[in-house]
Amino acid sequence: MVRARRLDTESLALARQGELNLWLMSWGQEAAQVGSVHALRGSDMIFPSYREHAVALCRDLAPAQILT
């Protein structure tokens, strides 16, 4: 959850500088995302939507992969 909040903070700064076209914050939703992904098996498929980058972080995607 801390990593997701940090990614949000850094990505918002990039968006404000014009480096990202769009960044949707997930502040306050981190626990729901992290809790739900930990209830799944590693082989379960996940279909992400907006504001679900904490799930990607839990599945070991690097922040650079999420932002591209």
PDB file of N, CA and C in Angstrom:
ATOM      1  N   MET A   1       0.829  -1.177   0.000  1.00  0.00           N
ATOM      2  CA  MET A   1       0.000   0.000   0.000  1.00  0.00           C
ATOM      3  C   MET A   1       0.881   1.251   0.000  1.00  0.00           C
ATOM      4  N   VAL A   2       1.994   1.161   0.676  1.00  0.00           N
ATOM      5  CA  VAL A   2       2.905   2.302   0.708  1.00  0.00           C
ATOM      6  C   VAL A   2       3.507   2.542  -0.675  1.00  0.00           C
ATOM      7  N   ARG A   3       3.867   1.462  -1.344  1.00  0.00           N
ATOM      8  CA  ARG A   3       4.421   1.601  -2.700  1.00  0.00           C
ATOM      9  C   ARG A   3       3.396   2.197  -3.657  1.00  0.00           C
ATOM     10  N   ALA A   4       2.148   1.803  -3.522  1.00  0.00           N
ATOM     11  CA  ALA A   4       1.095   2.341  -4.382  1.00  0.00           C
ATOM     12  C   ALA A   4       0.898   3.830  -4.126  1.00  0.00           C
ATOM     13  N   ARG A   5       0.942   4.235  -2.869  1.00  0.00           N
ATOM     14  CA  ARG A   5       0.790   5.653  -2.540  1.00  0.00           C
ATOM     15  C   ARG A   5       1.967   6.451  -3.095  1.00  0.00           C
ATOM     16  N   ARG A   6       3.164   5.883  -3.001  1.00  0.00           N
ATOM     17  CA  ARG A   6       4.349   6.566  -3.530  1.00  0.00           C
ATOM     18  C   ARG A   6       4.270   6.697  -5.046  1.00  0.00           C
ATOM     19  N   LEU A   7       3.813   5.638  -5.715  1.00  0.00           N
ATOM     20  CA  LEU A   7       3.639   5.694  -7.165  1.00  0.00           C
ATOM     21  C   LEU A   7       2.616   6.765  -7.535  1.00  0.00           C
ATOM     22  N   ASP A   8       1.537   6.849  -6.773  1.00  0.00           N
ATOM     23  CA  ASP A   8       0.539   7.894  -7.002  1.00  0.00           C
ATOM     24  C   ASP A   8       1.149   9.284  -6.886  1.00  0.00           C
ATOM     25  N   THR A   9       1.916   9.490  -5.833  1.00  0.00           N
ATOM     26  CA  THR A   9       2.518  10.808  -5.593  1.00  0.00           C
ATOM     27  C   THR A   9       3.471  11.199  -6.718  1.00  0.00           C
ATOM     28  N   GLU A  10       4.333  10.280  -7.095  1.00  0.00           N
ATOM     29  CA  GLU A  10       5.299  10.565  -8.157  1.00  0.00           C
ATOM     30  C   GLU A  10       4.612  10.738  -9.514  1.00  0.00           C
ATOM     31  N   SER A  11       3.611   9.918  -9.786  1.00  0.00           N
ATOM     32  CA  SER A  11       2.920   9.989 -11.068  1.00  0.00           C
ATOM     33  C   SER A  11       2.102  11.268 -11.188  1.00  0.00           C
ATOM     34  N   LEU A  12       1.512  11.706 -10.090  1.00  0.00           N
ATOM     35  CA  LEU A  12       0.781  12.974 -10.110  1.00  0.00           C
ATOM     36  C   LEU A  12       1.737  14.122 -10.413  1.00  0.00           C
ATOM     37  N   ALA A  13       2.914  14.078  -9.829  1.00  0.00           N
ATOM     38  CA  ALA A  13       3.909  15.109 -10.118  1.00  0.00           C
ATOM     39  C   ALA A  13       4.295  15.090 -11.594  1.00  0.00           C
ATOM     40  N   LEU A  14       4.480  13.901 -12.162  1.00  0.00           N
ATOM     41  CA  LEU A  14       4.799  13.794 -13.593  1.00  0.00           C
ATOM     42  C   LEU A  14       3.660  14.326 -14.455  1.00  0.00           C
ATOM     43  N   ALA A  15       2.430  14.033 -14.075  1.00  0.00           N
ATOM     44  CA  ALA A  15       1.277  14.516 -14.835  1.00  0.00           C
ATOM     45  C   ALA A  15       1.200  16.040 -14.784  1.00  0.00           C
ATOM     46  N   ARG A  16       1.468  16.613 -13.641  1.00  0.00           N
ATOM     47  CA  ARG A  16       1.430  18.078 -13.506  1.00  0.00           C
ATOM     48  C   ARG A  16       2.541  18.753 -14.297  1.00  0.00           C
ATOM     49  N   GLN A  17       3.628  18.030 -14.527  1.00  0.00           N
ATOM     50  CA  GLN A  17       4.743  18.558 -15.316  1.00  0.00           C
ATOM     51  C   GLN A  17       4.557  18.303 -16.812  1.00  0.00           C
ATOM     52  N   GLY A  18       3.487  17.598 -17.180  1.00  0.00           N
ATOM     53  CA  GLY A  18       3.221  17.307 -18.579  1.00  0.00           C
ATOM     54  C   GLY A  18       3.913  16.056 -19.091  1.00  0.00           C
ATOM     55  N   GLU A  19       4.504  15.274 -18.199  1.00  0.00           N
ATOM     56  CA  GLU A  19       5.211  14.061 -18.611  1.00  0.00           C
ATOM     57  C   GLU A  19       4.269  12.869 -18.780  1.00  0.00           C
ATOM     58  N   LEU A  20       3.123  12.883 -18.121  1.00  0.00           N
ATOM     59  CA  LEU A  20       2.091  11.853 -18.276  1.00  0.00           C
ATOM     60  C   LEU A  20       0.827  12.524 -18.782  1.00  0.00           C
ATOM     61  N   ASN A  21       0.158  11.869 -19.713  1.00  0.00           N
ATOM     62  CA  ASN A  21      -1.078  12.448 -20.235  1.00  0.00           C
ATOM     63  C   ASN A  21      -2.223  12.368 -19.241  1.00  0.00           C
ATOM     64  N   LEU A  22      -2.312  11.250 -18.537  1.00  0.00           N
ATOM     65  CA  LEU A  22      -3.434  11.042 -17.635  1.00  0.00           C
ATOM     66  C   LEU A  22      -2.990  10.148 -16.490  1.00  0.00           C
ATOM     67  N   TRP A  23      -3.310  10.546 -15.279  1.00  0.00           N
ATOM     68  CA  TRP A  23      -3.046   9.698 -14.120  1.00  0.00           C
ATOM     69  C   TRP A  23      -4.236   9.803 -13.187  1.00  0.00           C
ATOM     70  N   LEU A  24      -4.866   8.683 -12.911  1.00  0.00           N
ATOM     71  CA  LEU A  24      -6.011   8.644 -12.013  1.00  0.00           C
ATOM     72  C   LEU A  24      -5.547   8.136 -10.655  1.00  0.00           C
ATOM     73  N   MET A  25      -5.717   8.942  -9.658  1.00  0.00           N
ATOM     74  CA  MET A  25      -5.246   8.638  -8.303  1.00  0.00           C
ATOM     75  C   MET A  25      -6.059   7.488  -7.697  1.00  0.00           C
ATOM     76  N   SER A  26      -5.397   6.740  -6.824  1.00  0.00           N
ATOM     77  CA  SER A  26      -6.089   5.657  -6.119  1.00  0.00           C
ATOM     78  C   SER A  26      -6.044   5.851  -4.607  1.00  0.00           C
ATOM     79  N   TRP A  27      -5.777   7.064  -4.176  1.00  0.00           N
ATOM     80  CA  TRP A  27      -5.688   7.338  -2.739  1.00  0.00           C
ATOM     81  C   TRP A  27      -6.959   6.901  -2.033  1.00  0.00           C
ATOM     82  N   GLY A  28      -6.787   6.147  -0.982  1.00  0.00           N
ATOM     83  CA  GLY A  28      -7.915   5.651  -0.215  1.00  0.00           C
ATOM     84  C   GLY A  28      -8.437   4.308  -0.691  1.00  0.00           C
ATOM     85  N   GLN A  29      -7.942   3.828  -1.807  1.00  0.00           N
ATOM     86  CA  GLN A  29      -8.398   2.554  -2.357  1.00  0.00           C
ATOM     87  C   GLN A  29      -7.336   1.463  -2.276  1.00  0.00           C
ATOM     88  N   GLU A  30      -6.183   1.794  -1.738  1.00  0.00           N
ATOM     89  CA  GLU A  30      -5.066   0.851  -1.738  1.00  0.00           C
ATOM     90  C   GLU A  30      -5.386  -0.433  -0.982  1.00  0.00           C
ATOM     91  N   ALA A  31      -6.016  -0.320   0.172  1.00  0.00           N
ATOM     92  CA  ALA A  31      -6.296  -1.499   0.989  1.00  0.00           C
ATOM     93  C   ALA A  31      -7.237  -2.462   0.273  1.00  0.00           C
ATOM     94  N   ALA A  32      -8.228  -1.939  -0.411  1.00  0.00           N
ATOM     95  CA  ALA A  32      -9.156  -2.801  -1.148  1.00  0.00           C
ATOM     96  C   ALA A  32      -8.437  -3.550  -2.264  1.00  0.00           C
ATOM     97  N   GLN A  33      -7.530  -2.880  -2.934  1.00  0.00           N
ATOM     98  CA  GLN A  33      -6.795  -3.520  -4.018  1.00  0.00           C
ATOM     99  C   GLN A  33      -5.837  -4.583  -3.496  1.00  0.00           C
ATOM    100  N   VAL A  34      -5.065  -4.219  -2.496  1.00  0.00           N
ATOM    101  CA  VAL A  34      -4.076  -5.156  -1.958  1.00  0.00           C
ATOM    102  C   VAL A  34      -4.765  -6.353  -1.311  1.00  0.00           C
ATOM    103  N   GLY A  35      -5.824  -6.120  -0.575  1.00  0.00           N
ATOM    104  CA  GLY A  35      -6.568  -7.216   0.050  1.00  0.00           C
ATOM    105  C   GLY A  35      -7.159  -8.165  -0.969  1.00  0.00           C
ATOM    106  N   SER A  36      -7.714  -7.616  -2.039  1.00  0.00           N
ATOM    107  CA  SER A  36      -8.338  -8.482  -3.043  1.00  0.00           C
ATOM    108  C   SER A  36      -7.309  -9.311  -3.804  1.00  0.00           C
ATOM    109  N   VAL A  37      -6.154  -8.733  -4.108  1.00  0.00           N
ATOM    110  CA  VAL A  37      -5.154  -9.498  -4.854  1.00  0.00           C
ATOM    111  C   VAL A  37      -4.540 -10.597  -3.981  1.00  0.00           C
ATOM    112  N   HIS A  38      -4.456 -10.386  -2.681  1.00  0.00           N
ATOM    113  CA  HIS A  38      -3.911 -11.421  -1.802  1.00  0.00           C
ATOM    114  C   HIS A  38      -4.891 -12.571  -1.584  1.00  0.00           C
ATOM    115  N   ALA A  39      -6.141 -12.372  -1.938  1.00  0.00           N
ATOM    116  CA  ALA A  39      -7.122 -13.447  -1.841  1.00  0.00           C
ATOM    117  C   ALA A  39      -7.073 -14.368  -3.062  1.00  0.00           C
ATOM    118  N   LEU A  40      -6.320 -13.976  -4.076  1.00  0.00           N
ATOM    119  CA  LEU A  40      -6.230 -14.757  -5.308  1.00  0.00           C
ATOM    120  C   LEU A  40      -5.009 -15.664  -5.302  1.00  0.00           C
ATOM    121  N   ARG A  41      -5.056 -16.661  -6.147  1.00  0.00           N
ATOM    122  CA  ARG A  41      -3.877 -17.508  -6.372  1.00  0.00           C
ATOM    123  C   ARG A  41      -2.979 -16.823  -7.400  1.00  0.00           C
ATOM    124  N   GLY A  42      -1.735 -17.199  -7.412  1.00  0.00           N
ATOM    125  CA  GLY A  42      -0.808 -16.631  -8.383  1.00  0.00           C
ATOM    126  C   GLY A  42      -1.180 -16.944  -9.823  1.00  0.00           C
ATOM    127  N   SER A  43      -1.904 -18.034 -10.029  1.00  0.00           N
ATOM    128  CA  SER A  43      -2.313 -18.421 -11.381  1.00  0.00           C
ATOM    129  C   SER A  43      -3.611 -17.755 -11.827  1.00  0.00           C
ATOM    130  N   ASP A  44      -4.306 -17.094 -10.918  1.00  0.00           N
ATOM    131  CA  ASP A  44      -5.548 -16.409 -11.280  1.00  0.00           C
ATOM    132  C   ASP A  44      -5.244 -15.197 -12.157  1.00  0.00           C
ATOM    133  N   MET A  45      -6.099 -14.983 -13.141  1.00  0.00           N
ATOM    134  CA  MET A  45      -5.931 -13.841 -14.034  1.00  0.00           C
ATOM    135  C   MET A  45      -6.618 -12.623 -13.433  1.00  0.00           C
ATOM    136  N   ILE A  46      -6.010 -11.476 -13.674  1.00  0.00           N
ATOM    137  CA  ILE A  46      -6.545 -10.211 -13.195  1.00  0.00           C
ATOM    138  C   ILE A  46      -6.737  -9.300 -14.395  1.00  0.00           C
ATOM    139  N   PHE A  47      -7.858  -8.637 -14.459  1.00  0.00           N
ATOM    140  CA  PHE A  47      -8.153  -7.698 -15.534  1.00  0.00           C
ATOM    141  C   PHE A  47      -8.255  -6.302 -14.919  1.00  0.00           C
ATOM    142  N   PRO A  48      -7.170  -5.536 -14.978  1.00  0.00           N
ATOM    143  CA  PRO A  48      -7.133  -4.257 -14.282  1.00  0.00           C
ATOM    144  C   PRO A  48      -8.021  -3.195 -14.937  1.00  0.00           C
ATOM    145  N   SER A  49      -8.346  -2.230 -14.154  1.00  0.00           N
ATOM    146  CA  SER A  49      -9.117  -1.087 -14.590  1.00  0.00           C
ATOM    147  C   SER A  49      -8.400   0.161 -14.092  1.00  0.00           C
ATOM    148  N   TYR A  50      -9.034   1.310 -14.232  1.00  0.00           N
ATOM    149  CA  TYR A  50      -8.451   2.540 -13.707  1.00  0.00           C
ATOM    150  C   TYR A  50      -8.230   2.438 -12.209  1.00  0.00           C
ATOM    151  N   ARG A  51      -7.195   3.069 -11.745  1.00  0.00           N
ATOM    152  CA  ARG A  51      -6.889   3.194 -10.315  1.00  0.00           C
ATOM    153  C   ARG A  51      -6.584   1.860  -9.641  1.00  0.00           C
ATOM    154  N   GLU A  52      -6.103   0.889 -10.361  1.00  0.00           N
ATOM    155  CA  GLU A  52      -5.793  -0.411  -9.768  1.00  0.00           C
ATOM    156  C   GLU A  52      -4.319  -0.766  -9.920  1.00  0.00           C
ATOM    157  N   HIS A  53      -3.466   0.226  -9.828  1.00  0.00           N
ATOM    158  CA  HIS A  53      -2.039  -0.053  -9.983  1.00  0.00           C
ATOM    159  C   HIS A  53      -1.445  -0.743  -8.765  1.00  0.00           C
ATOM    160  N   ALA A  54      -2.102  -0.691  -7.610  1.00  0.00           N
ATOM    161  CA  ALA A  54      -1.603  -1.428  -6.437  1.00  0.00           C
ATOM    162  C   ALA A  54      -1.633  -2.931  -6.704  1.00  0.00           C
ATOM    163  N   VAL A  55      -2.609  -3.380  -7.469  1.00  0.00           N
ATOM    164  CA  VAL A  55      -2.688  -4.797  -7.839  1.00  0.00           C
ATOM    165  C   VAL A  55      -1.480  -5.173  -8.686  1.00  0.00           C
ATOM    166  N   ALA A  56      -1.145  -4.323  -9.638  1.00  0.00           N
ATOM    167  CA  ALA A  56       0.014  -4.597 -10.487  1.00  0.00           C
ATOM    168  C   ALA A  56       1.302  -4.632  -9.674  1.00  0.00           C
ATOM    169  N   LEU A  57       1.422  -3.732  -8.713  1.00  0.00           N
ATOM    170  CA  LEU A  57       2.608  -3.730  -7.855  1.00  0.00           C
ATOM    171  C   LEU A  57       2.686  -5.017  -7.040  1.00  0.00           C
ATOM    172  N   CYS A  58       1.551  -5.500  -6.563  1.00  0.00           N
ATOM    173  CA  CYS A  58       1.529  -6.759  -5.803  1.00  0.00           C
ATOM    174  C   CYS A  58       1.899  -7.950  -6.670  1.00  0.00           C
ATOM    175  N   ARG A  59       1.630  -7.847  -7.958  1.00  0.00           N
ATOM    176  CA  ARG A  59       2.001  -8.912  -8.888  1.00  0.00           C
ATOM    177  C   ARG A  59       3.393  -8.690  -9.469  1.00  0.00           C
ATOM    178  N   ASP A  60       4.189  -7.878  -8.797  1.00  0.00           N
ATOM    179  CA  ASP A  60       5.607  -7.649  -9.104  1.00  0.00           C
ATOM    180  C   ASP A  60       5.873  -6.947 -10.428  1.00  0.00           C
ATOM    181  N   LEU A  61       4.957  -6.130 -10.894  1.00  0.00           N
ATOM    182  CA  LEU A  61       5.252  -5.277 -12.032  1.00  0.00           C
ATOM    183  C   LEU A  61       6.014  -4.067 -11.517  1.00  0.00           C
ATOM    184  N   ALA A  62       7.003  -3.661 -12.239  1.00  0.00           N
ATOM    185  CA  ALA A  62       7.795  -2.482 -11.868  1.00  0.00           C
ATOM    186  C   ALA A  62       6.985  -1.224 -12.176  1.00  0.00           C
ATOM    187  N   PRO A  63       7.190  -0.170 -11.417  1.00  0.00           N
ATOM    188  CA  PRO A  63       6.476   1.080 -11.700  1.00  0.00           C
ATOM    189  C   PRO A  63       6.661   1.555 -13.144  1.00  0.00           C
ATOM    190  N   ALA A  64       7.854   1.366 -13.701  1.00  0.00           N
ATOM    191  CA  ALA A  64       8.085   1.763 -15.089  1.00  0.00           C
ATOM    192  C   ALA A  64       7.182   0.985 -16.055  1.00  0.00           C
ATOM    193  N   GLN A  65       6.902  -0.279 -15.760  1.00  0.00           N
ATOM    194  CA  GLN A  65       6.006  -1.072 -16.608  1.00  0.00           C
ATOM    195  C   GLN A  65       4.579  -0.550 -16.509  1.00  0.00           C
ATOM    196  N   ILE A  66       4.187  -0.090 -15.357  1.00  0.00           N
ATOM    197  CA  ILE A  66       2.826   0.408 -15.161  1.00  0.00           C
ATOM    198  C   ILE A  66       2.632   1.728 -15.897  1.00  0.00           C
ATOM    199  N   LEU A  67       3.650   2.547 -15.914  1.00  0.00           N
ATOM    200  CA  LEU A  67       3.545   3.871 -16.508  1.00  0.00           C
ATOM    201  C   LEU A  67       3.683   3.887 -18.017  1.00  0.00           C
ATOM    202  N   THR A  68       4.086   2.777 -18.617  1.00  0.00           N
ATOM    203  CA  THR A  68       4.245   2.763 -20.077  1.00  0.00           C
ATOM    204  C   THR A  68       3.027   2.217 -20.755  1.00  0.00           C
TER     205      THR A  68
END
